[in-house]
Amino acid sequence: MTSTVDFHLPENLTIVNVQGLHDQLEALADEPGCDTVVLQGHDVARADTAGIQLLLAFVLSLKERDMKVDWNEPSDKLCATADILGVGGALGIH
């Protein structure tokens, strides 16, 4: 059985909340039967390098597990920060 899980990214995707977010994302990756994670990014108002690094590590981790990541309405701020850091393509955010 396969399933899709939606995950709402926080308004502040910054170093302040990276640890707690990491734990939540890892739990998603370990969820039995989950084959696709849809990241809801429309609420992200602030993102920094640590937040984007966490997302990149998560996306790469899912690829290694043959899981898929889809984006639903990533905010302009999230896309811009990913592009500035040169990882927008690797995140599949566009």
C-alpha atoms as a PDB file:
ATOM      1  CA  MET A   1       0.000   0.000   0.000  1.00  0.00           C
ATOM      2  CA  THR A   2       1.361   3.404  -0.946  1.00  0.00           C
ATOM      3  CA  SER A   3       0.327   6.802   0.263  1.00  0.00           C
ATOM      4  CA  THR A   4       0.953  10.493  -0.083  1.00  0.00           C
ATOM      5  CA  VAL A   5       1.586  12.640   2.983  1.00  0.00           C
ATOM      6  CA  ASP A   6       1.190  16.428   3.088  1.00  0.00           C
ATOM      7  CA  PHE A   7       3.584  18.389   5.273  1.00  0.00           C
ATOM      8  CA  HIS A   8       3.123  22.095   5.989  1.00  0.00           C
ATOM      9  CA  LEU A   9       6.404  23.939   6.280  1.00  0.00           C
ATOM     10  CA  PRO A  10       6.551  26.570   9.041  1.00  0.00           C
ATOM     11  CA  GLU A  11       6.424  30.307   8.497  1.00  0.00           C
ATOM     12  CA  ASN A  12      10.023  30.604   9.719  1.00  0.00           C
ATOM     13  CA  LEU A  13      12.248  28.029   8.073  1.00  0.00           C
ATOM     14  CA  THR A  14      15.343  29.130   9.954  1.00  0.00           C
ATOM     15  CA  ILE A  15      18.116  27.816  12.170  1.00  0.00           C
ATOM     16  CA  VAL A  16      15.945  28.491  15.219  1.00  0.00           C
ATOM     17  CA  ASN A  17      13.547  25.646  14.400  1.00  0.00           C
ATOM     18  CA  VAL A  18      15.695  23.338  12.263  1.00  0.00           C
ATOM     19  CA  GLN A  19      16.171  20.618  14.898  1.00  0.00           C
ATOM     20  CA  GLY A  20      12.475  20.150  15.596  1.00  0.00           C
ATOM     21  CA  LEU A  21      11.680  20.285  11.894  1.00  0.00           C
ATOM     22  CA  HIS A  22      14.382  17.702  11.165  1.00  0.00           C
ATOM     23  CA  ASP A  23      12.757  15.274  13.584  1.00  0.00           C
ATOM     24  CA  GLN A  24       9.352  15.777  11.943  1.00  0.00           C
ATOM     25  CA  LEU A  25      10.725  15.273   8.441  1.00  0.00           C
ATOM     26  CA  GLU A  26      12.615  12.132   9.409  1.00  0.00           C
ATOM     27  CA  ALA A  27       9.426  10.696  10.875  1.00  0.00           C
ATOM     28  CA  LEU A  28       7.752  11.280   7.500  1.00  0.00           C
ATOM     29  CA  ALA A  29      10.540   9.508   5.654  1.00  0.00           C
ATOM     30  CA  ASP A  30      10.174   6.519   7.984  1.00  0.00           C
ATOM     31  CA  GLU A  31       6.386   6.321   7.700  1.00  0.00           C
ATOM     32  CA  PRO A  32       5.411   2.858   6.425  1.00  0.00           C
ATOM     33  CA  GLY A  33       3.790   2.831   3.002  1.00  0.00           C
ATOM     34  CA  CYS A  34       4.533   6.470   2.265  1.00  0.00           C
ATOM     35  CA  ASP A  35       5.932   6.926  -1.226  1.00  0.00           C
ATOM     36  CA  THR A  36       5.332  10.671  -1.797  1.00  0.00           C
ATOM     37  CA  VAL A  37       5.686  13.688   0.464  1.00  0.00           C
ATOM     38  CA  VAL A  38       3.993  16.904  -0.636  1.00  0.00           C
ATOM     39  CA  LEU A  39       5.673  19.922   0.915  1.00  0.00           C
ATOM     40  CA  GLN A  40       3.244  22.781   1.455  1.00  0.00           C
ATOM     41  CA  GLY A  41       5.441  25.859   1.278  1.00  0.00           C
ATOM     42  CA  HIS A  42       3.006  28.722   0.869  1.00  0.00           C
ATOM     43  CA  ASP A  43       3.364  29.886   4.497  1.00  0.00           C
ATOM     44  CA  VAL A  44       7.162  30.274   4.455  1.00  0.00           C
ATOM     45  CA  ALA A  45       7.932  33.956   5.048  1.00  0.00           C
ATOM     46  CA  ARG A  46      11.554  33.564   6.200  1.00  0.00           C
ATOM     47  CA  ALA A  47      14.151  31.014   5.154  1.00  0.00           C
ATOM     48  CA  ASP A  48      17.866  30.879   5.810  1.00  0.00           C
ATOM     49  CA  THR A  49      20.762  28.653   4.811  1.00  0.00           C
ATOM     50  CA  ALA A  50      20.142  26.165   7.621  1.00  0.00           C
ATOM     51  CA  GLY A  51      16.493  25.770   6.658  1.00  0.00           C
ATOM     52  CA  ILE A  52      17.292  25.269   2.993  1.00  0.00           C
ATOM     53  CA  GLN A  53      20.083  22.804   3.849  1.00  0.00           C
ATOM     54  CA  LEU A  54      17.628  20.791   5.897  1.00  0.00           C
ATOM     55  CA  LEU A  55      15.170  20.659   2.993  1.00  0.00           C
ATOM     56  CA  LEU A  56      17.911  19.625   0.586  1.00  0.00           C
ATOM     57  CA  ALA A  57      19.089  16.842   2.903  1.00  0.00           C
ATOM     58  CA  PHE A  58      15.481  15.682   3.251  1.00  0.00           C
ATOM     59  CA  VAL A  59      14.863  15.655  -0.504  1.00  0.00           C
ATOM     60  CA  LEU A  60      18.091  13.730  -1.141  1.00  0.00           C
ATOM     61  CA  SER A  61      17.252  11.287   1.643  1.00  0.00           C
ATOM     62  CA  LEU A  62      13.861  10.571   0.096  1.00  0.00           C
ATOM     63  CA  LYS A  63      15.413  10.014  -3.319  1.00  0.00           C
ATOM     64  CA  GLU A  64      17.766   7.435  -1.802  1.00  0.00           C
ATOM     65  CA  ARG A  65      14.699   5.639  -0.434  1.00  0.00           C
ATOM     66  CA  ASP A  66      12.947   5.757  -3.837  1.00  0.00           C
ATOM     67  CA  MET A  67      10.397   8.198  -2.480  1.00  0.00           C
ATOM     68  CA  LYS A  68       9.110  11.278  -4.269  1.00  0.00           C
ATOM     69  CA  VAL A  69       8.837  14.912  -3.167  1.00  0.00           C
ATOM     70  CA  ASP A  70       6.270  17.264  -4.659  1.00  0.00           C
ATOM     71  CA  TRP A  71       5.899  20.957  -3.916  1.00  0.00           C
ATOM     72  CA  ASN A  72       2.590  22.730  -3.471  1.00  0.00           C
ATOM     73  CA  GLU A  73       2.751  26.495  -3.798  1.00  0.00           C
ATOM     74  CA  PRO A  74       6.228  27.212  -2.433  1.00  0.00           C
ATOM     75  CA  SER A  75       6.365  30.862  -1.384  1.00  0.00           C
ATOM     76  CA  ASP A  76       8.338  33.405  -3.380  1.00  0.00           C
ATOM     77  CA  LYS A  77      10.666  33.830  -0.385  1.00  0.00           C
ATOM     78  CA  LEU A  78      11.366  30.099  -0.211  1.00  0.00           C
ATOM     79  CA  CYS A  79      12.055  29.882  -3.959  1.00  0.00           C
ATOM     80  CA  ALA A  80      14.244  32.990  -3.935  1.00  0.00           C
ATOM     81  CA  THR A  81      16.355  31.753  -1.028  1.00  0.00           C
ATOM     82  CA  ALA A  82      16.808  28.346  -2.655  1.00  0.00           C
ATOM     83  CA  ASP A  83      17.844  30.024  -5.906  1.00  0.00           C
ATOM     84  CA  ILE A  84      20.291  32.382  -4.183  1.00  0.00           C
ATOM     85  CA  LEU A  85      21.926  29.342  -2.594  1.00  0.00           C
ATOM     86  CA  GLY A  86      21.972  27.568  -5.958  1.00  0.00           C
ATOM     87  CA  VAL A  87      19.839  24.601  -4.910  1.00  0.00           C
ATOM     88  CA  GLY A  88      16.436  25.404  -6.389  1.00  0.00           C
ATOM     89  CA  GLY A  89      16.894  22.755  -9.081  1.00  0.00           C
ATOM     90  CA  ALA A  90      18.185  20.120  -6.676  1.00  0.00           C
ATOM     91  CA  LEU A  91      15.156  20.735  -4.446  1.00  0.00           C
ATOM     92  CA  GLY A  92      12.829  20.435  -7.439  1.00  0.00           C
ATOM     93  CA  ILE A  93      11.103  23.541  -6.183  1.00  0.00           C
ATOM     94  CA  HIS A  94      10.335  24.985  -9.631  1.00  0.00           C
END
